[in-house]
Each structure stands twice: as structure tokens, then as C-alpha cells.
């Protein structure tokens, strides 16, 4: 037997049958007897045979694998989206391959190329904050590989997208703070080239306008919205001549950082400063006080993205019209913002 990985030819040689018979037996072909199938499986196990999925995909044009690209898997939002995709994909006999970009453009491009080399049947992605050039996704799309974007959208790409109504979520969050008596509300945002942050800023601004509260540029802080950013942003707004009495952060980690600084300075939450974040991460319910936030329905986002993929695959011989699914967010009110009852 040749050195290295076992092949179907090794199994065929061991059993004195043809390689094509081995291949059909491994694929449970109805014309192959049960006795032969059993012998082939036993020999494959003994020889530690591992099927070459890429070669199989090249032959059949189908790998039954969906590539998923997320900025990071250690946020419950993204891990929950992945679960939602898996729920639908696994029922349709697809497996998923999960990749992280760490919000790095170069890594994202390399990942898309690797997924294409692995012959995935589709790519579902939330692109990196750094991404300005989307030609790698366009390349996949032009190769006939369905591309579905979620959370972070780009209307210049003619691909399907699943998002939530970020404007509505931000409007509801800001309106809630106003209705709880807040007059000066700071807003923590991020890179404005990303539509999710533009829309959240717009929702914040229009809620202030609706309630005839002034829009103050000094209360808008842009950062990467990580935990440390929330801390430094809060230190910045607290140093203003007129500090805020409410904070709406476009991320859960940002508002967590705000809570830490306020507690360190013995500033009462929500009595002196009320807080609302965005994305109902698991930790938001476990803090003291618990954090109000905007629920993005991440499982439903994953379900919808996978369903669009299946629909696109089913209609691959026809002209598929990209879809944009916009889900409604929900404000989850907890102790950090509840002043009135």
C-alpha cells in the first residue's frame, strides 16, 4: 500500500474490486450489495480512509458546506446568528464552516478566497469594520456562489441582506431615556461608513428632535465600541461642563464600560445617569443594575439568512433577485434606565 493517506484505490486493492465499486459503495449506491458495502466500510475503517470532500465537490459541483464569516465568535450576537443559520442549514443537510475576520479586511479577503477554494456552496457574512472594497464578495457572487450579508449591509453590492431596523431601535432607546426624564443624552457610536452606526445615530438624533431636545455634538463620541472604549467615552462626557444624565451606546460592551466608570465614581444608575445599550448580550442581564438594551433577534437573523441561501440555491438556474430582509428590533427595559416605575 502507498504511504500517506489511504484512497479508494487502496480499499479496492485490498478487496480485489474496482475503485468505482468502492466509490459507489461508500456513497450507498442501490446497485451495490449490502455485503459489498459492509466489506468496503470495514476496510475503509481499518485503513483509516478519509474522503476527499474537495475532490467530491469538484466532481459533483456541490460540497454541502456553507461558509460563515463573522468579526468574532465570542459575542453572543454572532454566535446566536450562527446557531440560527445552523438550525436551518442542518435540517437541509448542509454543514457550516465558521471563520473569524477579527474586523480585519486582509484576513476577510483571505478567508473568502479560502472558502472558494474549499468549494463552499454559499457564503453568509458580516463584513469587517475596515472593509471598503467589496470585490472579494463580488468575485464569489460572480462565480455563482450565493453571498448573503447580515447585520452590516452594503446596498452597492447586489446580494441578499438580512438586517434589523437600526434606526427604529435607536429611536426607541433614545425615546425611552427621554420619557424617563433625561434631558442631556450622550451617544456612543462607531465608524460612520457602516450603515448600522449611521442609522443608530439618525434614530438618536430624530428622537431628540421629536421631543424638542437640542442636538449637542460634544455628546457624540465615536470609537470601536469595545469595553475600554465605553470607559474612556464615559470619562470624556463626564468631564464636560454639562455632563449627560443619560447614555445611549450603539453597543453592549460600550454601555458596560459606561456602567463600570459610573460605579467607580459612585454615580447612581439610573437616578443620576440612565443607560441603554444595543445588542442583548448575555451579560447585560447579569450586571448590577441590569442593563437596558435593544434586542436584535439574532437567531431570526440567522434563520432568515439560511432560508435565503436555500431559496437562491433552489432557483440557481433562474434569475435570482436579491432580497433585503429588515427585522424589527425590540427595546428590553431593565434597571439601568428605569427611573419611573
Protein backbone atom coordinates (compact mmCIF):
# COMPACT_ATOMS: atom_id res chain seq x y z
CA UNK A 1 0.00 0.00 0.00
CA UNK A 2 1.28 3.51 -0.82
CA UNK A 3 2.47 5.74 2.00
CA UNK A 4 0.35 8.69 3.06
CA UNK A 5 -3.42 8.94 3.19
CA UNK A 6 -5.48 5.95 2.13
CA UNK A 7 -7.51 6.27 -1.05
CA UNK A 8 -10.36 4.35 -2.64
CA UNK A 9 -7.71 2.61 -4.76
CA UNK A 10 -6.15 1.15 -1.57
CA UNK A 11 -9.54 -0.17 -0.49
CA UNK A 12 -10.14 -1.59 -3.98
CA UNK A 13 -6.74 -3.32 -3.99
CA UNK A 14 -7.37 -4.82 -0.53
CA UNK A 15 -10.78 -6.22 -1.56
CA UNK A 16 -9.84 -7.07 -5.17
CA UNK A 17 -12.65 -4.92 -6.59
CA UNK A 18 -12.65 -1.80 -8.77
CA UNK A 19 -12.23 1.72 -7.41
CA UNK A 20 -15.56 2.70 -8.97
CA UNK A 21 -17.28 -0.08 -6.99
CA UNK A 22 -15.67 1.24 -3.79
CA UNK A 23 -16.84 4.77 -4.61
CA UNK A 24 -20.41 3.61 -5.24
CA UNK A 25 -20.40 1.51 -2.07
CA UNK A 26 -19.23 4.46 0.04
CA UNK A 27 -21.99 6.57 -1.49
CA UNK A 28 -24.60 3.89 -0.70
CA UNK A 29 -25.42 3.21 -4.36
CA UNK A 30 -28.55 0.99 -4.65
CA UNK A 31 -26.91 -1.35 -7.20
CA UNK A 32 -24.14 -2.35 -4.76
CA UNK A 33 -24.96 -5.28 -2.49
CA UNK A 34 -25.16 -4.84 1.26
CA UNK A 35 -22.37 -7.40 1.69
CA UNK A 36 -20.02 -5.35 -0.52
CA UNK A 37 -20.98 -2.11 1.21
CA UNK A 38 -20.26 -3.68 4.59
CA UNK A 39 -16.87 -5.02 3.42
CA UNK A 40 -15.93 -1.62 1.93
CA UNK A 41 -16.89 0.27 5.10
CA UNK A 42 -14.93 -2.20 7.24
CA UNK A 43 -11.84 -1.88 5.02
CA UNK A 44 -12.17 1.92 4.95
CA UNK A 45 -12.22 1.99 8.74
CA UNK A 46 -9.24 -0.35 9.01
CA UNK A 47 -7.21 1.70 6.53
CA UNK A 48 -8.33 4.96 8.23
CA UNK A 49 -9.72 6.22 4.93
CA UNK A 50 -10.86 9.88 4.95
CA UNK A 51 -12.96 11.04 1.99
CA UNK A 52 -11.62 13.98 -0.01
CA UNK A 53 -14.57 16.38 0.21
CA UNK A 54 -12.98 18.94 -2.12
CA UNK A 55 -12.44 16.30 -4.81
CA UNK A 56 -16.02 15.14 -4.31
CA UNK A 57 -17.22 18.73 -4.60
CA UNK A 58 -15.25 19.15 -7.83
CA UNK A 59 -16.92 16.06 -9.27
CA UNK A 60 -20.46 16.87 -8.15
CA UNK A 61 -20.29 20.68 -8.11
CA UNK A 62 -21.72 20.59 -4.58
CA UNK A 63 -19.95 20.44 -1.18
CA UNK A 64 -22.97 20.83 1.11
CA UNK A 65 -20.96 23.36 3.13
CA UNK A 66 -21.89 26.97 3.87
CA UNK A 67 -19.06 29.32 4.82
CA UNK A 68 -19.90 31.77 7.61
CA UNK A 69 -17.71 34.82 8.24
CA UNK A 70 -18.15 36.81 11.46
CA UNK A 71 -15.96 39.52 13.04
CA UNK A 72 -15.70 37.41 16.20
CA UNK A 73 -17.43 34.37 17.70
CA UNK A 74 -17.03 35.44 21.33
CA UNK A 75 -20.02 37.78 21.18
CA UNK A 76 -23.36 36.16 21.86
CA UNK A 77 -24.92 38.14 18.99
CA UNK A 78 -22.71 36.49 16.36
CA UNK A 79 -22.72 33.04 17.99
CA UNK A 80 -26.51 33.19 18.14
CA UNK A 81 -26.72 34.16 14.44
CA UNK A 82 -24.53 31.13 13.68
CA UNK A 83 -26.90 28.91 15.67
CA UNK A 84 -29.82 30.31 13.68
CA UNK A 85 -28.02 29.52 10.39
CA UNK A 86 -27.13 26.01 11.57
CA UNK A 87 -30.70 25.31 12.63
CA UNK A 88 -31.97 25.79 9.07
CA UNK A 89 -28.87 24.55 7.23
CA UNK A 90 -28.53 21.27 9.15
CA UNK A 91 -32.19 20.42 8.50
CA UNK A 92 -31.43 20.84 4.79
CA UNK A 93 -28.33 18.59 5.17
CA UNK A 94 -25.77 21.39 4.93
CA UNK A 95 -22.81 21.76 7.28
CA UNK A 96 -21.29 25.12 8.20
CA UNK A 97 -17.69 26.29 8.27
CA UNK A 98 -17.24 29.19 10.72
CA UNK A 99 -14.47 31.76 10.14
CA UNK A 100 -13.49 34.94 12.03
CA UNK A 101 -12.21 38.12 10.35
CA UNK A 102 -11.39 39.91 13.63
CA UNK A 103 -12.64 43.01 11.79
CA UNK A 104 -9.53 42.85 9.58
CA UNK A 105 -10.01 43.48 5.84
CA UNK A 106 -6.98 41.47 4.66
CA UNK A 107 -8.00 38.46 6.76
CA UNK A 108 -11.54 38.70 5.40
CA UNK A 109 -10.30 38.66 1.78
CA UNK A 110 -8.06 35.65 2.51
CA UNK A 111 -10.99 33.88 4.19
CA UNK A 112 -13.31 34.41 1.23
CA UNK A 113 -10.62 33.02 -1.11
CA UNK A 114 -10.08 30.02 1.18
CA UNK A 115 -13.81 29.30 1.26
CA UNK A 116 -13.99 29.49 -2.53
CA UNK A 117 -11.02 27.08 -2.76
CA UNK A 118 -12.89 24.73 -0.41
CA UNK A 119 -15.81 24.82 -2.87
CA UNK A 120 -18.40 26.02 -0.37
CA UNK A 121 -21.94 26.24 -1.73
CA UNK A 122 -22.57 29.68 -0.22
CA UNK A 123 -21.14 32.43 1.98
CA UNK A 124 -23.05 34.18 4.76
CA UNK A 125 -21.07 37.09 6.20
CA UNK A 126 -20.99 40.13 8.45
CA UNK A 127 -18.14 42.08 6.90
CA UNK A 128 -15.27 43.73 8.79
CA UNK A 129 -15.39 47.32 10.03
CA UNK A 130 -12.31 48.03 7.90
CA UNK A 131 -13.88 46.78 4.66
CA UNK A 132 -14.25 49.45 1.97
CA UNK A 133 -13.58 47.34 -1.12
CA UNK A 134 -16.13 44.54 -1.58
CA UNK A 135 -14.63 42.98 -4.73
CA UNK A 136 -13.87 39.69 -2.90
CA UNK A 137 -17.58 39.21 -2.19
CA UNK A 138 -18.38 40.27 -5.75
CA UNK A 139 -15.89 37.66 -7.02
CA UNK A 140 -17.74 34.93 -5.09
CA UNK A 141 -21.10 36.18 -6.36
CA UNK A 142 -19.86 36.21 -9.98
CA UNK A 143 -18.65 32.60 -9.57
CA UNK A 144 -22.25 31.65 -8.82
CA UNK A 145 -21.70 31.24 -5.09
CA UNK A 146 -24.62 32.81 -3.20
CA UNK A 147 -23.47 35.61 -0.86
CA UNK A 148 -25.77 36.78 1.93
CA UNK A 149 -24.74 39.66 4.19
CA UNK A 150 -26.16 40.13 7.68
CA UNK A 151 -26.07 42.86 10.34
CA UNK A 152 -23.72 45.11 8.37
CA UNK A 153 -25.21 45.89 4.97
CA UNK A 154 -23.94 47.45 1.75
CA UNK A 155 -26.51 48.47 -0.83
CA UNK A 156 -23.87 48.80 -3.58
CA UNK A 157 -23.48 45.01 -3.63
CA UNK A 158 -26.32 43.28 -5.44
CA UNK A 159 -26.59 40.43 -2.94
CA UNK A 160 -29.21 39.46 -0.38
CA UNK A 161 -29.01 41.02 3.08
CA UNK A 162 -30.61 40.44 6.48
CA UNK A 163 -30.58 43.35 8.92
CA UNK A 164 -32.62 44.87 11.69
CA UNK A 165 -34.15 48.34 11.62
CA UNK A 166 -31.24 50.08 13.36
CA UNK A 167 -32.93 53.47 13.07
CA UNK A 168 -36.04 52.24 14.88
CA UNK A 169 -34.02 50.52 17.61
CA UNK A 170 -32.04 53.69 18.30
CA UNK A 171 -35.15 55.87 18.19
CA UNK A 172 -36.91 53.64 20.74
CA UNK A 173 -33.86 53.58 23.03
CA UNK A 174 -33.46 57.37 22.98
CA UNK A 175 -37.20 57.98 23.35
CA UNK A 176 -37.26 55.70 26.38
CA UNK A 177 -34.46 57.71 28.06
CA UNK A 178 -36.33 60.94 27.32
CA UNK A 179 -39.55 59.53 28.77
CA UNK A 180 -37.60 58.58 31.90
CA UNK A 181 -36.72 62.27 32.35
CA UNK A 182 -33.29 62.51 30.67
CA UNK A 183 -32.53 65.92 29.14
CA UNK A 184 -28.89 65.51 28.06
CA UNK A 185 -28.27 62.14 26.41
CA UNK A 186 -24.81 61.13 25.20
CA UNK A 187 -24.48 58.74 22.26
CA UNK A 188 -21.59 56.32 21.75
CA UNK A 189 -21.18 55.46 18.07
CA UNK A 190 -18.62 53.96 15.69
CA UNK A 191 -17.32 54.27 12.11
CA UNK A 192 -19.95 56.21 10.19
CA UNK A 193 -19.22 54.48 6.89
CA UNK A 194 -21.05 51.49 8.40
CA UNK A 195 -24.77 51.92 7.85
CA UNK A 196 -25.68 50.34 11.20
CA UNK A 197 -23.96 53.17 13.08
CA UNK A 198 -25.24 55.88 10.73
CA UNK A 199 -28.78 54.63 11.22
CA UNK A 200 -28.42 54.39 15.02
CA UNK A 201 -27.11 57.95 15.12
CA UNK A 202 -30.00 59.09 12.91
CA UNK A 203 -32.54 57.38 15.20
CA UNK A 204 -30.97 59.04 18.25
CA UNK A 205 -30.94 62.45 16.58
CA UNK A 206 -34.52 62.29 15.33
CA UNK A 207 -35.83 61.18 18.73
CA UNK A 208 -34.22 64.27 20.29
CA UNK A 209 -35.77 66.40 17.56
CA UNK A 210 -39.23 64.86 18.07
CA UNK A 211 -39.09 65.75 21.78
CA UNK A 212 -37.57 69.21 21.09
CA UNK A 213 -34.28 68.47 22.83
CA UNK A 214 -31.10 70.06 21.42
CA UNK A 215 -28.56 68.02 19.47
CA UNK A 216 -25.11 68.60 21.02
CA UNK A 217 -22.04 67.40 19.08
CA UNK A 218 -19.99 67.24 22.30
CA UNK A 219 -22.26 64.41 23.49
CA UNK A 220 -21.42 62.23 20.44
CA UNK A 221 -18.36 60.01 20.94
CA UNK A 222 -17.02 57.79 18.14
CA UNK A 223 -14.87 54.74 18.96
CA UNK A 224 -14.59 50.99 18.31
CA UNK A 225 -17.28 50.47 20.98
CA UNK A 226 -15.31 47.87 22.93
CA UNK A 227 -15.34 47.73 26.74
CA UNK A 228 -12.35 50.06 27.17
CA UNK A 229 -13.87 52.48 24.62
CA UNK A 230 -17.02 52.66 26.74
CA UNK A 231 -14.88 53.54 29.76
CA UNK A 232 -12.87 56.28 28.00
CA UNK A 233 -16.00 57.69 26.30
CA UNK A 234 -17.71 57.98 29.69
CA UNK A 235 -14.71 59.69 31.24
CA UNK A 236 -14.83 62.15 28.34
CA UNK A 237 -18.53 63.05 28.64
CA UNK A 238 -18.39 63.27 32.45
CA UNK A 239 -15.66 65.92 32.12
CA UNK A 240 -17.97 68.22 30.13
CA UNK A 241 -19.20 71.44 31.80
CA UNK A 242 -22.68 69.94 31.50
CA UNK A 243 -22.31 66.14 31.78
CA UNK A 244 -25.09 63.88 30.48
CA UNK A 245 -27.92 62.42 32.56
CA UNK A 246 -28.41 59.59 30.08
CA UNK A 247 -26.19 57.48 27.79
CA UNK A 248 -27.27 55.50 24.74
CA UNK A 249 -24.49 53.28 23.41
CA UNK A 250 -24.64 51.64 19.97
CA UNK A 251 -23.07 48.52 21.52
CA UNK A 252 -23.49 46.41 24.65
CA UNK A 253 -19.78 46.50 25.51
CA UNK A 254 -19.79 50.30 25.27
CA UNK A 255 -22.59 50.63 27.81
CA UNK A 256 -20.90 48.06 30.06
CA UNK A 257 -17.80 50.27 30.10
CA UNK A 258 -20.01 53.25 30.97
CA UNK A 259 -21.54 51.36 33.90
CA UNK A 260 -18.09 50.48 35.25
CA UNK A 261 -16.91 54.11 35.29
CA UNK A 262 -20.15 55.39 36.82
CA UNK A 263 -19.93 52.81 39.62
CA UNK A 264 -16.27 53.63 40.24
CA UNK A 265 -17.24 57.29 40.67
CA UNK A 266 -20.24 56.47 42.87
CA UNK A 267 -22.63 57.98 40.33
CA UNK A 268 -26.03 56.35 40.79
CA UNK A 269 -27.53 54.43 37.87
CA UNK A 270 -30.23 55.18 36.75
CA UNK A 271 -31.03 58.02 39.21
CA UNK A 272 -28.16 60.30 38.10
CA UNK A 273 -27.27 58.74 34.75
CA UNK A 274 -29.59 56.30 32.94
CA UNK A 275 -28.13 53.77 30.49
CA UNK A 276 -29.30 51.91 27.38
CA UNK A 277 -27.13 49.74 25.12
CA UNK A 278 -27.57 47.90 21.83
CA UNK A 279 -27.48 44.11 21.32
CA UNK A 280 -28.92 41.94 24.03
CA UNK A 281 -25.66 40.22 25.01
CA UNK A 282 -25.95 37.64 27.80
CA UNK A 283 -24.00 39.75 30.31
CA UNK A 284 -26.45 42.68 30.07
CA UNK A 285 -28.92 40.78 32.25
CA UNK A 286 -26.31 39.81 34.84
CA UNK A 287 -24.87 43.22 35.80
CA UNK A 288 -25.93 45.26 38.82
CA UNK A 289 -28.03 47.10 37.86
CA UNK A 290 -29.09 45.03 34.85
CA UNK A 291 -28.65 46.85 31.53
CA UNK A 292 -31.47 48.01 29.27
CA UNK A 293 -30.72 47.17 25.66
CA UNK A 294 -32.07 46.71 22.14
CA UNK A 295 -32.79 43.07 21.22
CA UNK A 296 -31.68 42.33 17.64
CA UNK A 297 -33.34 38.88 17.35
CA UNK A 298 -30.06 37.26 16.28
CA UNK A 299 -31.48 33.73 15.92
CA UNK A 300 -34.10 35.06 13.50
CA UNK A 301 -31.37 36.86 11.54
CA UNK A 302 -29.51 33.54 11.16
CA UNK A 303 -32.70 31.67 10.21
CA UNK A 304 -33.58 34.26 7.56
CA UNK A 305 -30.05 34.28 6.08
CA UNK A 306 -30.02 30.47 5.75
CA UNK A 307 -33.53 30.43 4.27
CA UNK A 308 -32.48 32.97 1.61
CA UNK A 309 -29.43 30.82 0.79
CA UNK A 310 -31.62 27.72 0.29
CA UNK A 311 -34.03 29.68 -1.88
CA UNK A 312 -31.18 31.01 -4.00
CA UNK A 313 -29.70 27.51 -4.44
CA UNK A 314 -33.11 26.15 -5.40
CA UNK A 315 -33.52 28.85 -8.04
CA UNK A 316 -29.91 28.89 -9.28
CA UNK A 317 -31.00 28.20 -12.86
CA UNK A 318 -33.27 31.23 -12.85
CA UNK A 319 -32.51 34.93 -12.39
CA UNK A 320 -32.45 35.28 -8.62
CA UNK A 321 -33.48 38.71 -7.34
CA UNK A 322 -31.54 39.66 -4.17
CA UNK A 323 -33.70 40.15 -1.08
CA UNK A 324 -33.35 42.57 1.79
CA UNK A 325 -34.99 41.35 4.98
CA UNK A 326 -35.41 44.01 7.68
CA UNK A 327 -36.40 42.70 11.12
CA UNK A 328 -37.99 44.83 13.83
CA UNK A 329 -35.88 45.33 16.97
CA UNK A 330 -37.29 45.28 20.48
CA UNK A 331 -36.39 47.50 23.44
CA UNK A 332 -35.64 45.43 26.56
CA UNK A 333 -36.11 47.69 29.59
CA UNK A 334 -34.13 46.77 32.71
CA UNK A 335 -32.93 48.53 35.85
CA UNK A 336 -30.23 50.74 34.27
CA UNK A 337 -32.75 53.08 32.67
CA UNK A 338 -35.94 52.63 34.68
CA UNK A 339 -36.50 55.76 36.75
CA UNK A 340 -40.27 55.96 36.60
CA UNK A 341 -41.69 52.72 37.99
